[in-house]
Amino acid sequence: MKVGIVQMNSQRDKSENLAQAERLITTLMARDEPDLVVLPEYFASIGGDREFIRSTGEVFPEGQGYRQISRLAREFETTIHCGSMVERADGAYYNTSVVFGPDGLELARYRKMHLFDIDSPDGTAYRESETIARGEDIVTFNVGAVTVGCAICYDIRFPELFRALRDRGADVIVVPAAFALMTGKDHWEVLLRARAIETQTYIVAPGQTLSHDDGKFWCWGHSMIVDPWGHVVAQCSDGVGSACATLDLDLISNVRERIPVAAHHVLGALS
């Protein structure tokens, strides 16, 4: 199974972001022909105040971003994970991943569970919950015979979600992100590798990079794919671009046989 990750520098101009995503997907498909392509968090628009963010929200399946990624999946006959975009539904707004199969039809929809409400080391305050509602469902989908689990950005700090995805059969877990520079430089790779080692899955993590919203905040980038042993097997350079890796599915079973942690959980058995 071949997986491609797309690293973007999305801004507030939604039309330009969608055009950027299409260019990057087209280049990636021509070069590597992956079975699964994953975009970063908030690929369609990032930045702005609460009202602006909500104004970019889409009602699925009518929205511009939804229709575009569906079309690209159908045209390239591959599975495309949109990373995430703002979904408007039932009077609320969600940070939502949508996955489209090779026929362009929706395979899965995941709403981010853990919302980013922190004060970063540089003093910048982030309050995602002031704009976005929390999702509640654990979500997986299939690419051929491979089960893929869904998470988004800040979810990476909550290993219980990753264990739940592993318990539901995930061999690959995708984590699209817009990971802040000040925390990303110290935590991004460490957390991704830790989740891969704990769950013995491939972690696929495309991110936003460089500055956003007229320089108001910066993202760490360093999009990467990590194998079940914790090795980084693909990584994007600084700036906009993409990377691809062929996942060794036999490695997953080999690692799980060597260190059968799923059979050794004690606290789960006691709860």
Protein backbone atom coordinates (compact mmCIF):
# COMPACT_ATOMS: atom_id res chain seq x y z
CA MET A 1 0.00 0.00 0.00
CA LYS A 2 1.42 3.36 -1.04
CA VAL A 3 0.52 6.51 0.93
CA GLY A 4 1.15 10.13 -0.04
CA ILE A 5 1.11 13.13 2.30
CA VAL A 6 0.58 16.73 1.21
CA GLN A 7 2.13 19.63 3.14
CA MET A 8 0.43 22.99 2.59
CA ASN A 9 0.66 26.64 3.56
CA SER A 10 -3.05 27.42 3.55
CA GLN A 11 -4.19 30.99 4.12
CA ARG A 12 -7.57 32.73 4.35
CA ASP A 13 -8.27 32.63 0.59
CA LYS A 14 -10.29 29.45 0.24
CA SER A 15 -10.29 29.38 -3.56
CA GLU A 16 -6.50 29.68 -3.69
CA ASN A 17 -6.08 26.98 -1.04
CA LEU A 18 -8.27 24.60 -3.02
CA ALA A 19 -6.25 25.37 -6.15
CA GLN A 20 -3.02 24.74 -4.24
CA ALA A 21 -4.36 21.41 -2.96
CA GLU A 22 -5.34 20.34 -6.47
CA ARG A 23 -1.90 21.23 -7.86
CA LEU A 24 -0.14 19.28 -5.10
CA ILE A 25 -2.39 16.23 -5.44
CA THR A 26 -1.93 16.24 -9.23
CA THR A 27 1.87 16.38 -8.87
CA LEU A 28 1.88 13.65 -6.23
CA MET A 29 -0.33 11.35 -8.29
CA ALA A 30 1.82 11.80 -11.42
CA ARG A 31 5.00 11.08 -9.50
CA ASP A 32 4.02 8.30 -7.08
CA GLU A 33 0.48 7.04 -7.82
CA PRO A 34 -0.40 6.45 -4.13
CA ASP A 35 -3.38 4.39 -3.02
CA LEU A 36 -4.18 6.95 -0.30
CA VAL A 37 -3.52 10.71 -0.30
CA VAL A 38 -3.87 12.74 2.92
CA LEU A 39 -4.11 16.54 3.14
CA PRO A 40 -3.40 18.62 6.28
CA GLU A 41 -5.81 19.99 8.88
CA TYR A 42 -7.85 23.04 7.77
CA PHE A 43 -6.53 22.62 4.23
CA ALA A 44 -9.31 24.75 2.70
CA SER A 45 -8.87 27.79 4.94
CA ILE A 46 -6.93 28.67 8.06
CA GLY A 47 -6.78 31.80 10.19
CA GLY A 48 -9.16 34.63 10.89
CA ASP A 49 -11.50 35.34 13.78
CA ARG A 50 -14.43 33.23 14.93
CA GLU A 51 -16.86 34.77 12.45
CA PHE A 52 -14.49 34.34 9.50
CA ILE A 53 -13.70 30.71 10.37
CA ARG A 54 -17.39 29.90 10.60
CA SER A 55 -18.06 31.70 7.31
CA THR A 56 -15.81 29.15 5.58
CA GLY A 57 -17.87 26.24 6.91
CA GLU A 58 -19.50 23.88 4.45
CA VAL A 59 -22.72 21.92 4.59
CA PHE A 60 -21.76 18.51 3.24
CA PRO A 61 -22.05 17.37 0.49
CA GLU A 62 -22.83 20.72 -1.19
CA GLY A 63 -19.64 22.56 -0.19
CA GLN A 64 -16.93 23.66 -2.61
CA GLY A 65 -14.11 21.78 -0.85
CA TYR A 66 -16.19 18.64 -0.43
CA ARG A 67 -17.11 18.55 -4.12
CA GLN A 68 -13.56 19.27 -5.25
CA ILE A 69 -11.91 16.47 -3.26
CA SER A 70 -14.67 14.06 -4.27
CA ARG A 71 -14.00 14.93 -7.92
CA LEU A 72 -10.24 14.48 -7.58
CA ALA A 73 -10.65 11.09 -5.91
CA ARG A 74 -12.88 9.98 -8.77
CA GLU A 75 -10.63 11.39 -11.49
CA PHE A 76 -7.47 9.81 -10.08
CA GLU A 77 -9.31 6.64 -8.96
CA THR A 78 -7.67 6.76 -5.56
CA THR A 79 -8.69 7.33 -1.94
CA ILE A 80 -8.27 10.93 -0.74
CA HIS A 81 -8.49 12.03 2.89
CA CYS A 82 -9.26 15.75 2.95
CA GLY A 83 -7.26 16.39 6.14
CA SER A 84 -9.96 18.54 7.67
CA MET A 85 -12.20 21.49 6.96
CA VAL A 86 -14.95 23.35 8.78
CA GLU A 87 -18.27 21.52 8.62
CA ARG A 88 -21.56 23.26 9.42
CA ALA A 89 -24.25 20.89 10.68
CA ASP A 90 -27.22 21.07 13.06
CA GLY A 91 -26.44 24.59 14.20
CA ALA A 92 -22.83 23.75 15.12
CA TYR A 93 -19.40 23.87 13.47
CA TYR A 94 -16.95 20.96 13.46
CA ASN A 95 -13.33 20.39 12.48
CA THR A 96 -14.08 17.47 10.19
CA SER A 97 -12.15 14.94 8.13
CA VAL A 98 -13.93 13.51 5.10
CA VAL A 99 -12.54 10.54 3.18
CA PHE A 100 -13.47 9.80 -0.43
CA GLY A 101 -13.04 6.46 -2.19
CA PRO A 102 -11.81 5.92 -5.77
CA ASP A 103 -15.40 6.33 -6.98
CA GLY A 104 -15.60 9.79 -5.39
CA LEU A 105 -18.14 8.68 -2.79
CA GLU A 106 -17.74 9.47 0.90
CA LEU A 107 -16.12 6.61 2.85
CA ALA A 108 -15.86 8.17 6.31
CA ARG A 109 -16.36 11.35 8.29
CA TYR A 110 -14.52 12.14 11.54
CA ARG A 111 -15.12 15.19 13.75
CA LYS A 112 -12.13 16.19 15.90
CA MET A 113 -12.60 15.08 19.51
CA HIS A 114 -9.92 17.01 21.40
CA LEU A 115 -10.04 20.76 20.85
CA PHE A 116 -6.91 22.90 21.03
CA ASP A 117 -7.36 25.27 24.00
CA ILE A 118 -3.89 26.19 25.22
CA ASP A 119 -1.47 29.03 25.93
CA SER A 120 1.69 28.28 23.95
CA PRO A 121 5.25 28.91 25.21
CA ASP A 122 5.46 32.14 23.18
CA GLY A 123 2.34 33.50 24.89
CA THR A 124 -0.08 32.90 22.00
CA ALA A 125 -3.50 31.76 23.17
CA TYR A 126 -5.47 29.23 21.11
CA ARG A 127 -9.15 28.58 21.88
CA GLU A 128 -10.51 26.21 19.25
CA SER A 129 -13.56 25.43 21.41
CA GLU A 130 -14.79 29.02 21.04
CA THR A 131 -15.43 28.29 17.36
CA ILE A 132 -15.62 24.51 16.98
CA ALA A 133 -17.80 21.85 18.63
CA ARG A 134 -16.31 18.55 19.79
CA GLY A 135 -16.88 15.31 17.91
CA GLU A 136 -17.77 12.09 19.72
CA ASP A 137 -17.29 9.15 17.34
CA ILE A 138 -14.27 6.90 16.83
CA VAL A 139 -13.93 6.41 13.07
CA THR A 140 -12.13 3.98 10.78
CA PHE A 141 -12.32 3.29 7.05
CA ASN A 142 -10.78 0.80 4.64
CA VAL A 143 -8.38 1.15 1.74
CA GLY A 144 -8.61 -2.28 0.18
CA ALA A 145 -8.03 -4.73 3.02
CA VAL A 146 -6.24 -2.16 5.22
CA THR A 147 -8.14 -0.53 8.09
CA VAL A 148 -7.25 3.12 8.65
CA GLY A 149 -8.08 5.10 11.80
CA CYS A 150 -8.85 8.82 12.01
CA ALA A 151 -7.44 11.49 14.32
CA ILE A 152 -6.68 15.21 13.94
CA CYS A 153 -3.75 17.25 15.29
CA TYR A 154 -4.26 17.80 19.06
CA ASP A 155 -5.73 14.27 19.28
CA ILE A 156 -2.10 13.05 19.12
CA ARG A 157 -1.69 13.91 22.81
CA PHE A 158 -4.41 11.46 23.87
CA PRO A 159 -3.13 7.88 23.50
CA GLU A 160 -6.44 6.36 24.58
CA LEU A 161 -7.96 7.37 21.23
CA PHE A 162 -5.12 5.66 19.38
CA ARG A 163 -5.51 2.52 21.43
CA ALA A 164 -9.24 2.52 20.66
CA LEU A 165 -8.47 2.79 16.94
CA ARG A 166 -5.96 -0.06 17.22
CA ASP A 167 -8.58 -2.15 19.06
CA ARG A 168 -10.94 -1.54 16.14
CA GLY A 169 -8.42 -3.08 13.78
CA ALA A 170 -6.48 -0.06 12.54
CA ASP A 171 -3.16 -0.85 10.88
CA VAL A 172 -2.68 2.78 9.81
CA ILE A 173 -3.72 5.94 11.66
CA VAL A 174 -3.87 9.32 9.93
CA VAL A 175 -3.22 12.54 11.87
CA PRO A 176 -3.60 15.65 9.67
CA ALA A 177 -2.39 18.69 11.56
CA ALA A 178 -1.73 22.40 11.78
CA PHE A 179 0.75 21.89 14.62
CA ALA A 180 1.98 25.12 16.21
CA LEU A 181 5.67 25.94 15.72
CA MET A 182 6.50 26.51 19.38
CA THR A 183 5.19 23.12 20.51
CA GLY A 184 5.92 21.29 17.27
CA LYS A 185 9.67 21.80 17.40
CA ASP A 186 9.82 19.82 20.66
CA HIS A 187 6.81 17.50 20.59
CA TRP A 188 5.65 16.71 17.03
CA GLU A 189 8.03 13.93 16.05
CA VAL A 190 8.25 12.55 19.60
CA LEU A 191 4.48 12.19 19.86
CA LEU A 192 4.05 10.67 16.40
CA ARG A 193 6.76 8.11 17.01
CA ALA A 194 5.36 7.30 20.45
CA ARG A 195 1.85 6.68 19.09
CA ALA A 196 3.30 4.48 16.33
CA ILE A 197 5.30 2.41 18.82
CA GLU A 198 2.41 2.09 21.28
CA THR A 199 -0.16 1.03 18.71
CA GLN A 200 2.24 -0.78 16.36
CA THR A 201 0.63 0.98 13.43
CA TYR A 202 1.83 3.27 10.67
CA ILE A 203 1.19 6.91 11.58
CA VAL A 204 0.52 9.19 8.59
CA ALA A 205 0.80 12.85 9.57
CA PRO A 206 0.62 15.67 6.98
CA GLY A 207 0.77 19.21 8.33
CA GLN A 208 0.53 22.88 7.60
CA THR A 209 3.87 24.72 7.37
CA LEU A 210 5.32 28.24 7.73
CA SER A 211 3.32 31.39 8.61
CA HIS A 212 -0.44 31.91 8.42
CA ASP A 213 -2.97 34.70 8.79
CA ASP A 214 -0.55 37.56 7.96
CA GLY A 215 2.13 36.14 10.24
CA LYS A 216 -0.09 35.85 13.33
CA PHE A 217 0.95 32.24 13.85
CA TRP A 218 3.35 29.66 12.44
CA CYS A 219 3.02 25.92 11.89
CA TRP A 220 5.83 23.41 12.31
CA GLY A 221 5.36 21.39 9.12
CA HIS A 222 7.71 18.38 9.07
CA SER A 223 4.93 16.17 7.69
CA MET A 224 5.95 12.55 8.09
CA ILE A 225 5.06 8.87 7.94
CA VAL A 226 6.25 6.69 10.83
CA ASP A 227 6.40 2.90 10.76
CA PRO A 228 5.22 0.54 13.55
CA TRP A 229 8.77 0.31 14.96
CA GLY A 230 8.90 4.08 15.34
CA HIS A 231 11.12 4.88 12.36
CA VAL A 232 10.39 7.91 10.17
CA VAL A 233 10.11 6.45 6.66
CA ALA A 234 9.07 9.61 4.76
CA GLN A 235 9.19 13.32 5.55
CA CYS A 236 8.51 16.58 3.73
CA SER A 237 11.15 19.25 3.39
CA ASP A 238 10.50 22.76 4.68
CA GLY A 239 7.88 24.53 2.62
CA VAL A 240 4.96 23.38 0.51
CA GLY A 241 5.33 19.92 -1.02
CA SER A 242 4.60 16.23 -0.62
CA ALA A 243 6.16 12.90 0.26
CA CYS A 244 5.25 9.26 -0.26
CA ALA A 245 6.05 5.88 1.29
CA THR A 246 5.18 2.30 0.51
CA LEU A 247 3.84 0.72 3.69
CA ASP A 248 5.22 -2.73 4.49
CA LEU A 249 2.11 -4.46 5.80
CA ASP A 250 4.12 -7.53 6.84
CA LEU A 251 6.10 -5.31 9.20
CA ILE A 252 2.94 -4.59 11.17
CA SER A 253 2.31 -8.25 11.93
CA ASN A 254 6.01 -8.92 12.57
CA VAL A 255 6.23 -6.13 15.15
CA ARG A 256 3.03 -7.25 16.86
CA GLU A 257 4.27 -10.83 17.05
CA ARG A 258 7.63 -9.78 18.51
CA ILE A 259 6.12 -7.50 21.17
CA PRO A 260 2.45 -8.46 21.62
CA VAL A 261 1.41 -5.42 23.66
CA ALA A 262 -2.24 -5.66 22.58
CA ALA A 263 -2.46 -8.97 24.46
CA HIS A 264 -0.67 -7.61 27.53
CA HIS A 265 -2.87 -4.63 28.49
CA VAL A 266 -3.64 -4.90 32.20
CA LEU A 267 -5.63 -1.74 32.94
CA GLY A 268 -8.03 -2.37 30.06
CA ALA A 269 -8.75 -5.84 31.39
CA LEU A 270 -9.37 -4.48 34.91
CA SER A 271 -11.73 -1.65 33.91
